[in-house]
C-alpha cells in the first residue's frame, strides 16, 4: 500500500450561490455588477427551477434531456428572448448571434461552409505564427517581469483574426481594436434595468452610451476593410483567400443569394467581437488554472515536450495533445464563454410536469449546468482528467455546452478550440507563468465570462 497522499484539487474562486432570494432592488444591483452572484443554491441542485421574478416567469433548466428538448428536439418553439437581443444587437447588429427565423437560416447556410474542418485546418499555419510571435515577445522580457496575461491573450487572438479574416492587415492600430473590444464588453455587458423592464430603445442606456465609441470604431474599421477588398475583387486582382474574401463570395447553397454588405459587416464584427473574446477568455482561464496546480501544469508540460520534441508544431500533433485539450475543455467548463442562454417560448409547451406558457422565458445557463451537483463529480474543482477518453464518454452531450448545442451551436467552435490548443501548447513549451502573489482572479459576467481583474502573471 502506498503512503502517498494526493494533493487536494484546486477549487478556483467564484461567487457563492445564495441561500436566500434577493429583493428586487438588490437583484437589479447584483445583475448589473455580476449576474453570477444572483444564482441560488437550488439552481445547482434541482433539475428544473421555476419562479417569478424581475424578468417575469422564468424556468431554469439543468436536466440534459430537457436541455436537448429546448435546443434541439423542439428548437423551433424557442426563440432568443428580447432581453438578449436588446443587449447584443446594438453592437453585433443582425448577424448570426442575434438574427432569427429565415434571416438566421439564410446566414447560417451561407456561412457554414467557411468553417468546415478542411477550411479551419487551412488556418493552422496562421495560428502557429501568431502564437510564436507572442512567445518571442515574452522571451525578450527578463525573468520575473509581470505581464497582463488576459491582455496578451486578447492580442494573440486578434493577431490570429488578422491573419485569417483580413490578411492584408487592419487599417488601424490592432491594439486599439483590442482596447475597443474590452471597452465594448465592459460597457454593453452590464445588465441595465431599462432592458430588464423592456423600455423602448430610444430611452438612453448608460452602457450603450459608453459603448458607442467602440461600436463606431468597429463599424468604421470593418467598412474600410470591406470596401478595400471589394475594390480589389472588382479589379480582378488576386485577393487573399481569407474569411473576408470567402464571406464576400459566399452564396446560400439553396437560393444562390449572397450576403448583403450589412450582413457581411455584422458577421465580421461578430467574429471580431464574440469570436475573439471567447478564445481569449478560454486561454486566460487555462493559464490561470494551470498556474495554480503544479501537478496539472507538469502533466501539460510533459505532454507538450513528448509530442512536439525539438521540431515545429504540426497539424498532426493536435490529436496527440490530449491532456492539453482536456485543460482547455475543463477551463471552459468552469468558465464557459457564454455563461447564460435564454429563450422565449413561442407556443405553450410542457417539460415533464412543468408547463411552459407561451411568452415565458426558459433559461439554460452553462455556468450553472457545468457546476450542477447532480451531473458532475466535484463540480467546482479543476480536474482536466474528467475530459480524458474513459470519463469523457460518460458526459451527457447536453450537460456540457461551452459552445451551445442544436441548430444554433457556435459555428466557430472548431476554429476556437484549434486556436486555443495551438496557443496554449506554444506558451507551455517555452514559458512558465505564475500568478502574482496575492493577486486574486474572480469571474465576472459581461456577456462573456471574463476575469474580473487582469490576470497578472510573472
Protein backbone atom coordinates (compact mmCIF):
# COMPACT_ATOMS: atom_id res chain seq x y z
CA UNK A 1 0.00 0.00 0.00
CA UNK A 2 1.29 3.42 -0.93
CA UNK A 3 1.58 6.13 1.71
CA UNK A 4 1.39 8.80 -1.00
CA UNK A 5 -1.37 11.33 -0.41
CA UNK A 6 -2.53 13.22 -3.48
CA UNK A 7 -2.66 16.98 -3.18
CA UNK A 8 -6.18 18.38 -2.91
CA UNK A 9 -7.77 19.56 -6.13
CA UNK A 10 -7.69 23.27 -6.85
CA UNK A 11 -11.09 24.93 -6.49
CA UNK A 12 -10.91 28.31 -8.20
CA UNK A 13 -12.84 31.22 -6.68
CA UNK A 14 -16.36 32.01 -7.84
CA UNK A 15 -19.39 33.76 -6.32
CA UNK A 16 -21.03 31.53 -3.73
CA UNK A 17 -24.63 30.57 -4.53
CA UNK A 18 -27.22 32.37 -2.42
CA UNK A 19 -29.32 30.66 0.19
CA UNK A 20 -31.95 33.42 0.27
CA UNK A 21 -33.54 35.21 -2.71
CA UNK A 22 -32.69 38.81 -3.38
CA UNK A 23 -35.26 41.58 -3.27
CA UNK A 24 -35.98 43.48 -6.46
CA UNK A 25 -33.55 46.36 -5.89
CA UNK A 26 -30.76 44.06 -4.67
CA UNK A 27 -31.33 41.73 -7.63
CA UNK A 28 -31.07 44.57 -10.13
CA UNK A 29 -27.89 45.83 -8.47
CA UNK A 30 -26.32 42.35 -8.43
CA UNK A 31 -27.39 41.65 -12.03
CA UNK A 32 -25.66 44.83 -13.13
CA UNK A 33 -22.45 44.24 -11.16
CA UNK A 34 -22.09 40.49 -11.75
CA UNK A 35 -25.06 38.28 -12.69
CA UNK A 36 -23.17 35.21 -11.42
CA UNK A 37 -23.93 36.46 -7.89
CA UNK A 38 -27.70 36.09 -8.39
CA UNK A 39 -27.79 32.27 -8.62
CA UNK A 40 -29.34 30.31 -5.76
CA UNK A 41 -28.26 27.01 -4.18
CA UNK A 42 -31.36 25.37 -5.67
CA UNK A 43 -30.18 26.15 -9.20
CA UNK A 44 -27.10 23.96 -8.63
CA UNK A 45 -29.11 21.12 -7.07
CA UNK A 46 -32.52 20.90 -8.77
CA UNK A 47 -33.07 19.79 -12.40
CA UNK A 48 -35.74 22.44 -13.02
CA UNK A 49 -36.45 25.60 -11.02
CA UNK A 50 -39.47 27.73 -11.89
CA UNK A 51 -40.37 31.07 -10.36
CA UNK A 52 -41.49 34.65 -10.86
CA UNK A 53 -39.00 37.50 -10.76
CA UNK A 54 -37.91 40.76 -12.32
CA UNK A 55 -37.90 39.05 -15.74
CA UNK A 56 -41.37 37.54 -15.30
CA UNK A 57 -41.98 33.81 -15.23
CA UNK A 58 -38.67 32.02 -15.63
CA UNK A 59 -37.84 28.33 -15.85
CA UNK A 60 -34.18 27.45 -15.24
CA UNK A 61 -33.33 24.08 -16.79
CA UNK A 62 -30.45 21.79 -15.76
CA UNK A 63 -31.79 18.43 -16.91
CA UNK A 64 -29.81 17.36 -20.02
CA UNK A 65 -32.89 15.67 -21.53
CA UNK A 66 -34.88 18.87 -21.17
CA UNK A 67 -31.99 20.97 -22.47
CA UNK A 68 -32.00 18.75 -25.55
CA UNK A 69 -35.75 19.26 -25.92
CA UNK A 70 -35.35 23.04 -25.95
CA UNK A 71 -32.19 23.41 -28.03
CA UNK A 72 -32.75 20.55 -30.48
CA UNK A 73 -35.96 18.50 -30.48
CA UNK A 74 -38.36 21.43 -30.15
CA UNK A 75 -35.97 24.26 -31.01
CA UNK A 76 -38.48 25.79 -33.44
CA UNK A 77 -40.70 26.71 -30.49
CA UNK A 78 -38.00 28.69 -28.70
CA UNK A 79 -36.55 31.96 -29.96
CA UNK A 80 -33.91 34.19 -28.43
CA UNK A 81 -35.59 36.36 -25.86
CA UNK A 82 -35.96 40.13 -26.16
CA UNK A 83 -33.52 40.87 -23.32
CA UNK A 84 -30.62 39.17 -25.14
CA UNK A 85 -31.49 40.95 -28.37
CA UNK A 86 -31.71 44.33 -26.63
CA UNK A 87 -28.26 43.83 -25.08
CA UNK A 88 -26.44 42.34 -28.08
CA UNK A 89 -27.99 43.93 -31.17
CA UNK A 90 -26.62 47.50 -30.68
CA UNK A 91 -23.08 46.17 -31.15
CA UNK A 92 -23.43 42.95 -33.12
CA UNK A 93 -26.28 44.00 -35.41
CA UNK A 94 -28.35 41.26 -37.04
CA UNK A 95 -25.59 38.73 -37.54
CA UNK A 96 -25.57 35.04 -36.67
CA UNK A 97 -25.72 35.66 -32.92
CA UNK A 98 -28.83 37.85 -32.97
CA UNK A 99 -30.74 37.05 -36.19
CA UNK A 100 -33.86 34.88 -36.03
CA UNK A 101 -36.08 32.88 -38.38
CA UNK A 102 -35.44 32.93 -42.12
CA UNK A 103 -32.86 35.70 -41.75
CA UNK A 104 -30.78 33.50 -39.45
CA UNK A 105 -31.25 30.33 -41.56
CA UNK A 106 -30.05 32.07 -44.72
CA UNK A 107 -26.95 33.42 -42.98
CA UNK A 108 -26.19 30.09 -41.32
CA UNK A 109 -26.44 28.14 -44.60
CA UNK A 110 -24.27 30.71 -46.35
CA UNK A 111 -21.53 30.96 -43.73
CA UNK A 112 -21.35 27.32 -42.58
CA UNK A 113 -19.08 26.21 -45.50
CA UNK A 114 -16.49 28.74 -44.28
CA UNK A 115 -15.95 26.71 -41.10
CA UNK A 116 -15.62 23.16 -42.43
CA UNK A 117 -12.78 21.09 -40.88
CA UNK A 118 -10.78 21.49 -44.09
CA UNK A 119 -11.13 25.29 -44.09
CA UNK A 120 -10.33 25.58 -40.38
CA UNK A 121 -7.34 23.25 -40.84
CA UNK A 122 -6.06 25.60 -43.51
CA UNK A 123 -5.72 28.32 -40.88
CA UNK A 124 -3.29 26.19 -38.82
CA UNK A 125 -0.08 27.95 -40.04
CA UNK A 126 -1.51 31.40 -39.29
CA UNK A 127 -2.42 30.34 -35.75
CA UNK A 128 1.05 28.90 -35.13
CA UNK A 129 2.71 32.08 -36.44
CA UNK A 130 0.61 34.23 -34.10
CA UNK A 131 1.39 32.00 -31.11
CA UNK A 132 5.13 32.03 -31.86
CA UNK A 133 5.08 35.79 -32.22
CA UNK A 134 3.58 36.08 -28.73
CA UNK A 135 6.23 33.73 -27.28
CA UNK A 136 9.05 35.70 -28.91
CA UNK A 137 7.68 38.92 -27.44
CA UNK A 138 7.58 37.41 -23.97
CA UNK A 139 11.06 35.88 -24.35
CA UNK A 140 12.51 39.34 -24.91
CA UNK A 141 11.44 40.28 -21.39
CA UNK A 142 13.57 39.47 -18.37
CA UNK A 143 12.54 36.73 -15.98
CA UNK A 144 10.18 37.92 -13.26
CA UNK A 145 8.64 40.65 -15.41
CA UNK A 146 4.90 40.99 -14.77
CA UNK A 147 2.64 40.57 -17.78
CA UNK A 148 -1.10 41.01 -18.13
CA UNK A 149 -1.90 37.55 -19.50
CA UNK A 150 -5.52 38.38 -20.29
CA UNK A 151 -4.45 41.41 -22.35
CA UNK A 152 -1.86 39.35 -24.19
CA UNK A 153 -4.43 36.64 -24.91
CA UNK A 154 -6.53 39.39 -26.47
CA UNK A 155 -3.55 40.43 -28.58
CA UNK A 156 -2.68 36.93 -29.78
CA UNK A 157 -6.28 36.08 -30.73
CA UNK A 158 -6.58 39.38 -32.58
CA UNK A 159 -3.34 38.51 -34.36
CA UNK A 160 -4.96 35.22 -35.43
CA UNK A 161 -8.02 37.09 -36.70
CA UNK A 162 -5.82 39.47 -38.67
CA UNK A 163 -4.05 36.51 -40.27
CA UNK A 164 -7.28 34.62 -41.08
CA UNK A 165 -10.05 37.16 -41.63
CA UNK A 166 -8.23 40.12 -43.15
CA UNK A 167 -4.75 39.01 -44.11
CA UNK A 168 -3.87 42.31 -45.78
CA UNK A 169 -3.85 43.92 -42.36
CA UNK A 170 -6.03 46.10 -40.17
CA UNK A 171 -6.23 49.71 -41.35
CA UNK A 172 -5.94 50.87 -37.73
CA UNK A 173 -3.84 50.02 -34.70
CA UNK A 174 -4.64 46.37 -33.71
CA UNK A 175 -4.08 47.23 -30.03
CA UNK A 176 -6.70 49.96 -30.38
CA UNK A 177 -9.08 47.33 -31.73
CA UNK A 178 -8.36 45.12 -28.70
CA UNK A 179 -8.98 48.00 -26.31
CA UNK A 180 -12.24 48.81 -28.11
CA UNK A 181 -13.41 45.20 -27.72
CA UNK A 182 -12.64 45.26 -23.99
CA UNK A 183 -14.45 48.58 -23.51
CA UNK A 184 -17.40 47.27 -25.50
CA UNK A 185 -17.90 44.15 -23.39
CA UNK A 186 -17.34 46.00 -20.12
CA UNK A 187 -19.91 48.62 -21.10
CA UNK A 188 -22.62 46.77 -23.00
CA UNK A 189 -22.23 43.67 -20.83
CA UNK A 190 -23.65 45.32 -17.72
CA UNK A 191 -27.33 44.42 -17.49
CA UNK A 192 -29.40 47.61 -17.50
CA UNK A 193 -32.71 47.73 -15.56
CA UNK A 194 -34.23 49.54 -18.55
CA UNK A 195 -33.56 46.43 -20.67
CA UNK A 196 -34.94 44.12 -17.99
CA UNK A 197 -38.19 46.06 -17.84
CA UNK A 198 -38.45 46.37 -21.62
CA UNK A 199 -38.17 50.14 -22.00
CA UNK A 200 -38.13 51.23 -25.66
CA UNK A 201 -34.76 51.50 -27.41
CA UNK A 202 -34.96 55.27 -27.70
CA UNK A 203 -34.60 55.61 -23.91
CA UNK A 204 -30.84 56.18 -23.33
CA UNK A 205 -28.86 53.43 -21.56
CA UNK A 206 -25.59 54.25 -19.79
CA UNK A 207 -23.91 51.11 -21.13
CA UNK A 208 -24.91 51.82 -24.71
CA UNK A 209 -23.70 55.41 -24.46
CA UNK A 210 -20.34 54.22 -23.13
CA UNK A 211 -20.11 51.52 -25.78
CA UNK A 212 -20.99 53.82 -28.67
CA UNK A 213 -17.38 54.92 -29.45
CA UNK A 214 -16.29 51.26 -29.55
CA UNK A 215 -19.20 50.28 -31.80
CA UNK A 216 -18.40 53.19 -34.13
CA UNK A 217 -14.73 52.12 -34.18
CA UNK A 218 -15.74 48.52 -35.12
CA UNK A 219 -18.02 49.68 -37.90
CA UNK A 220 -15.55 52.15 -39.41
CA UNK A 221 -12.69 49.64 -39.27
CA UNK A 222 -14.73 46.85 -40.84
CA UNK A 223 -16.22 49.14 -43.51
CA UNK A 224 -12.70 50.17 -44.56
CA UNK A 225 -11.67 46.52 -44.79
CA UNK A 226 -14.75 45.53 -46.81
CA UNK A 227 -14.50 48.47 -49.21
CA UNK A 228 -10.80 47.86 -49.87
CA UNK A 229 -11.36 44.15 -50.51
CA UNK A 230 -14.39 44.74 -52.78
CA UNK A 231 -12.35 47.21 -54.81
CA UNK A 232 -9.58 44.62 -55.17
CA UNK A 233 -12.04 41.94 -56.29
CA UNK A 234 -13.71 44.32 -58.72
CA UNK A 235 -10.35 44.95 -60.40
CA UNK A 236 -9.90 41.22 -60.91
CA UNK A 237 -6.67 41.39 -58.91
CA UNK A 238 -5.56 38.34 -56.88
CA UNK A 239 -7.20 38.51 -53.45
CA UNK A 240 -6.23 36.60 -50.30
CA UNK A 241 -8.37 33.52 -49.69
CA UNK A 242 -9.16 34.60 -46.15
CA UNK A 243 -12.51 34.73 -44.37
CA UNK A 244 -13.25 38.23 -45.64
CA UNK A 245 -12.97 37.18 -49.29
CA UNK A 246 -14.90 33.99 -48.58
CA UNK A 247 -17.70 35.97 -46.92
CA UNK A 248 -17.93 38.39 -49.83
CA UNK A 249 -18.08 35.50 -52.31
CA UNK A 250 -20.34 33.23 -50.21
CA UNK A 251 -23.75 32.24 -51.52
CA UNK A 252 -26.68 30.38 -50.00
CA UNK A 253 -26.50 26.83 -51.41
CA UNK A 254 -30.31 26.72 -51.68
CA UNK A 255 -31.06 30.08 -53.27
CA UNK A 256 -27.70 31.25 -54.63
CA UNK A 257 -28.21 34.54 -52.81
CA UNK A 258 -25.12 36.18 -51.34
CA UNK A 259 -24.81 38.21 -48.17
CA UNK A 260 -25.59 41.91 -48.26
CA UNK A 261 -22.89 44.39 -47.28
CA UNK A 262 -24.66 44.90 -43.96
CA UNK A 263 -24.72 41.14 -43.31
CA UNK A 264 -21.04 40.82 -44.18
CA UNK A 265 -20.22 43.72 -41.86
CA UNK A 266 -22.30 42.46 -38.92
CA UNK A 267 -20.84 38.98 -39.15
CA UNK A 268 -17.27 40.25 -39.39
CA UNK A 269 -17.97 42.34 -36.27
CA UNK A 270 -19.40 39.20 -34.64
CA UNK A 271 -16.24 37.24 -35.50
CA UNK A 272 -14.04 40.05 -34.16
CA UNK A 273 -16.08 40.62 -31.01
CA UNK A 274 -17.72 37.41 -29.87
CA UNK A 275 -15.35 35.03 -31.68
CA UNK A 276 -12.13 36.61 -30.48
CA UNK A 277 -13.48 37.19 -26.97
CA UNK A 278 -14.38 33.56 -26.32
CA UNK A 279 -10.95 32.21 -27.30
CA UNK A 280 -9.04 34.91 -25.43
CA UNK A 281 -11.00 34.18 -22.27
CA UNK A 282 -10.58 30.41 -22.62
CA UNK A 283 -6.81 30.88 -22.85
CA UNK A 284 -6.71 33.35 -19.94
CA UNK A 285 -8.60 30.93 -17.71
CA UNK A 286 -6.45 27.98 -18.84
CA UNK A 287 -3.22 29.81 -17.97
CA UNK A 288 -4.61 30.89 -14.62
CA UNK A 289 -5.80 27.39 -13.71
CA UNK A 290 -2.58 25.56 -14.56
CA UNK A 291 -0.59 28.19 -12.66
CA UNK A 292 -2.50 27.13 -9.54
CA UNK A 293 -1.91 23.37 -9.79
CA UNK A 294 1.67 22.16 -10.21
CA UNK A 295 0.58 18.56 -10.82
CA UNK A 296 -1.57 19.54 -13.79
CA UNK A 297 0.97 22.01 -15.13
CA UNK A 298 3.66 19.31 -15.05
CA UNK A 299 1.41 16.94 -16.99
CA UNK A 300 0.78 19.54 -19.71
CA UNK A 301 4.49 20.40 -19.95
CA UNK A 302 5.43 16.73 -20.19
CA UNK A 303 2.86 16.04 -22.90
CA UNK A 304 3.90 19.06 -24.96
CA UNK A 305 7.58 18.09 -24.73
CA UNK A 306 6.91 14.45 -25.67
CA UNK A 307 4.57 15.24 -28.57
CA UNK A 308 6.46 18.16 -30.13
CA UNK A 309 10.04 17.14 -29.37
CA UNK A 310 12.51 19.58 -30.92
CA UNK A 311 10.57 20.16 -34.13
CA UNK A 312 7.87 22.65 -35.11
CA UNK A 313 4.23 22.31 -34.13
CA UNK A 314 2.49 20.43 -36.97
CA UNK A 315 -1.22 19.72 -37.66
CA UNK A 316 -0.87 16.02 -36.82
CA UNK A 317 0.28 16.95 -33.30
CA UNK A 318 -3.15 18.30 -32.36
CA UNK A 319 -4.79 14.90 -31.95
CA UNK A 320 -1.96 13.82 -29.64
CA UNK A 321 -2.16 16.89 -27.36
CA UNK A 322 -4.91 15.12 -25.45
CA UNK A 323 -4.22 16.46 -21.97
CA UNK A 324 -3.60 19.99 -23.25
CA UNK A 325 -7.02 19.88 -24.91
CA UNK A 326 -8.54 18.47 -21.68
CA UNK A 327 -7.21 21.50 -19.77
CA UNK A 328 -8.99 23.81 -22.20
CA UNK A 329 -12.17 21.73 -22.03
CA UNK A 330 -12.09 21.92 -18.24
CA UNK A 331 -11.38 25.66 -18.31
CA UNK A 332 -14.47 26.33 -20.44
CA UNK A 333 -16.50 24.02 -18.21
CA UNK A 334 -15.65 26.10 -15.14
CA UNK A 335 -15.76 29.37 -17.08
CA UNK A 336 -17.97 28.84 -20.16
CA UNK A 337 -17.57 31.56 -22.83
CA UNK A 338 -21.35 32.14 -22.92
CA UNK A 339 -22.44 31.60 -19.29
CA UNK A 340 -26.11 32.29 -19.92
CA UNK A 341 -28.63 31.48 -22.67
CA UNK A 342 -32.31 32.25 -22.60
CA UNK A 343 -35.22 31.52 -24.87
CA UNK A 344 -38.82 32.65 -25.10
CA UNK A 345 -41.49 30.02 -25.74
CA UNK A 346 -43.45 30.84 -28.89
CA UNK A 347 -46.29 28.44 -28.07
CA UNK A 348 -47.31 26.60 -24.91
CA UNK A 349 -45.09 23.64 -24.15
CA UNK A 350 -44.70 21.05 -21.40
CA UNK A 351 -41.45 19.79 -19.92
CA UNK A 352 -42.47 16.72 -17.98
CA UNK A 353 -44.90 18.01 -15.38
CA UNK A 354 -43.73 21.62 -15.82
CA UNK A 355 -45.87 23.83 -18.03
CA UNK A 356 -44.12 26.44 -20.18
CA UNK A 357 -46.67 29.10 -21.16
CA UNK A 358 -46.23 30.94 -24.44
CA UNK A 359 -44.20 34.10 -23.92
CA UNK A 360 -42.42 32.88 -20.79
CA UNK A 361 -38.66 32.61 -20.50
CA UNK A 362 -36.59 29.43 -20.32
CA UNK A 363 -33.00 29.76 -19.12
CA UNK A 364 -30.14 27.37 -19.84
CA UNK A 365 -27.09 28.70 -18.03
CA UNK A 366 -23.91 26.77 -18.92
CA UNK A 367 -22.21 28.31 -15.88
CA UNK A 368 -24.79 26.61 -13.64
CA UNK A 369 -25.20 23.48 -15.77
CA UNK A 370 -21.43 22.86 -15.75
CA UNK A 371 -21.33 23.07 -11.93
CA UNK A 372 -24.56 21.19 -11.23
CA UNK A 373 -24.11 18.81 -8.34
CA UNK A 374 -26.20 16.00 -9.84
CA UNK A 375 -24.26 15.99 -13.14
CA UNK A 376 -20.61 16.38 -12.20
CA UNK A 377 -18.22 14.83 -9.70
CA UNK A 378 -16.58 17.61 -7.64
CA UNK A 379 -18.12 20.24 -9.95
CA UNK A 380 -16.20 23.22 -8.54
CA UNK A 381 -12.79 21.54 -8.78
CA UNK A 382 -10.28 21.93 -11.60
CA UNK A 383 -9.82 18.35 -12.87
CA UNK A 384 -8.99 18.00 -16.59
CA UNK A 385 -8.98 14.20 -16.24
CA UNK A 386 -12.77 14.24 -16.50
CA UNK A 387 -12.29 15.00 -20.21
CA UNK A 388 -9.98 12.12 -20.96
CA UNK A 389 -11.33 9.23 -23.04
CA UNK A 390 -12.89 6.97 -20.43
CA UNK A 391 -14.60 9.65 -18.36
CA UNK A 392 -15.47 11.90 -21.29
CA UNK A 393 -17.72 9.19 -22.71
CA UNK A 394 -19.92 9.44 -19.62
CA UNK A 395 -20.58 13.17 -20.04
CA UNK A 396 -24.03 13.82 -21.49
CA UNK A 397 -23.82 15.93 -24.65
CA UNK A 398 -26.43 18.29 -23.22
CA UNK A 399 -24.74 18.64 -19.83
CA UNK A 400 -21.71 20.36 -21.37
CA UNK A 401 -22.44 23.40 -23.54
CA UNK A 402 -19.38 25.66 -23.83
CA UNK A 403 -20.39 26.41 -27.43
CA UNK A 404 -24.13 25.71 -27.21
CA UNK A 405 -25.93 22.88 -28.99
CA UNK A 406 -28.58 22.21 -31.59
CA UNK A 407 -29.09 24.29 -34.75
CA UNK A 408 -27.51 27.36 -33.13
CA UNK A 409 -24.34 25.66 -31.90
CA UNK A 410 -21.41 28.05 -32.26
CA UNK A 411 -20.28 27.97 -35.88
CA UNK A 412 -16.70 28.81 -34.92
CA UNK A 413 -16.22 26.20 -32.16
CA UNK A 414 -13.66 24.13 -34.07
CA UNK A 415 -11.76 27.30 -35.07
CA UNK A 416 -11.64 28.45 -31.42
CA UNK A 417 -10.57 25.08 -30.00
CA UNK A 418 -7.85 24.57 -32.60
CA UNK A 419 -6.52 28.04 -31.90
CA UNK A 420 -6.63 27.56 -28.12
CA UNK A 421 -4.69 24.27 -28.23
CA UNK A 422 -2.05 25.77 -30.53
CA UNK A 423 -1.54 28.87 -28.38
CA UNK A 424 -1.55 27.04 -25.04
CA UNK A 425 0.90 24.38 -26.27
CA UNK A 426 3.20 27.07 -27.70
CA UNK A 427 3.22 29.00 -24.42
CA UNK A 428 3.75 25.94 -22.22
CA UNK A 429 6.59 24.76 -24.47
CA UNK A 430 8.65 27.87 -23.83
CA UNK A 431 7.28 29.74 -20.82
CA UNK A 432 6.19 29.18 -17.23
CA UNK A 433 3.75 31.75 -15.88
CA UNK A 434 2.98 32.15 -12.18
CA UNK A 435 0.21 34.29 -10.75
CA UNK A 436 1.50 37.36 -8.96
CA UNK A 437 1.43 36.63 -5.23
CA UNK A 438 -1.68 37.99 -3.57
CA UNK A 439 -3.44 38.68 -6.87
CA UNK A 440 -6.98 37.29 -6.88
CA UNK A 441 -8.83 36.41 -10.07
CA UNK A 442 -12.61 36.08 -10.00
CA UNK A 443 -15.09 35.54 -12.85
CA UNK A 444 -17.39 38.36 -13.91
CA UNK A 445 -20.18 38.01 -16.43
CA UNK A 446 -20.06 40.69 -19.11
CA UNK A 447 -21.99 38.83 -21.83
CA UNK A 448 -18.98 36.50 -21.85
CA UNK A 449 -17.24 35.24 -18.70
CA UNK A 450 -14.15 37.36 -18.16
CA UNK A 451 -11.52 37.55 -15.43
CA UNK A 452 -12.84 40.25 -13.10
CA UNK A 453 -9.33 41.62 -12.66
CA UNK A 454 -6.45 41.45 -15.07
CA UNK A 455 -4.80 38.05 -14.93
CA UNK A 456 -1.34 39.27 -13.93
CA UNK A 457 1.45 36.71 -14.19
CA UNK A 458 5.22 36.66 -13.99
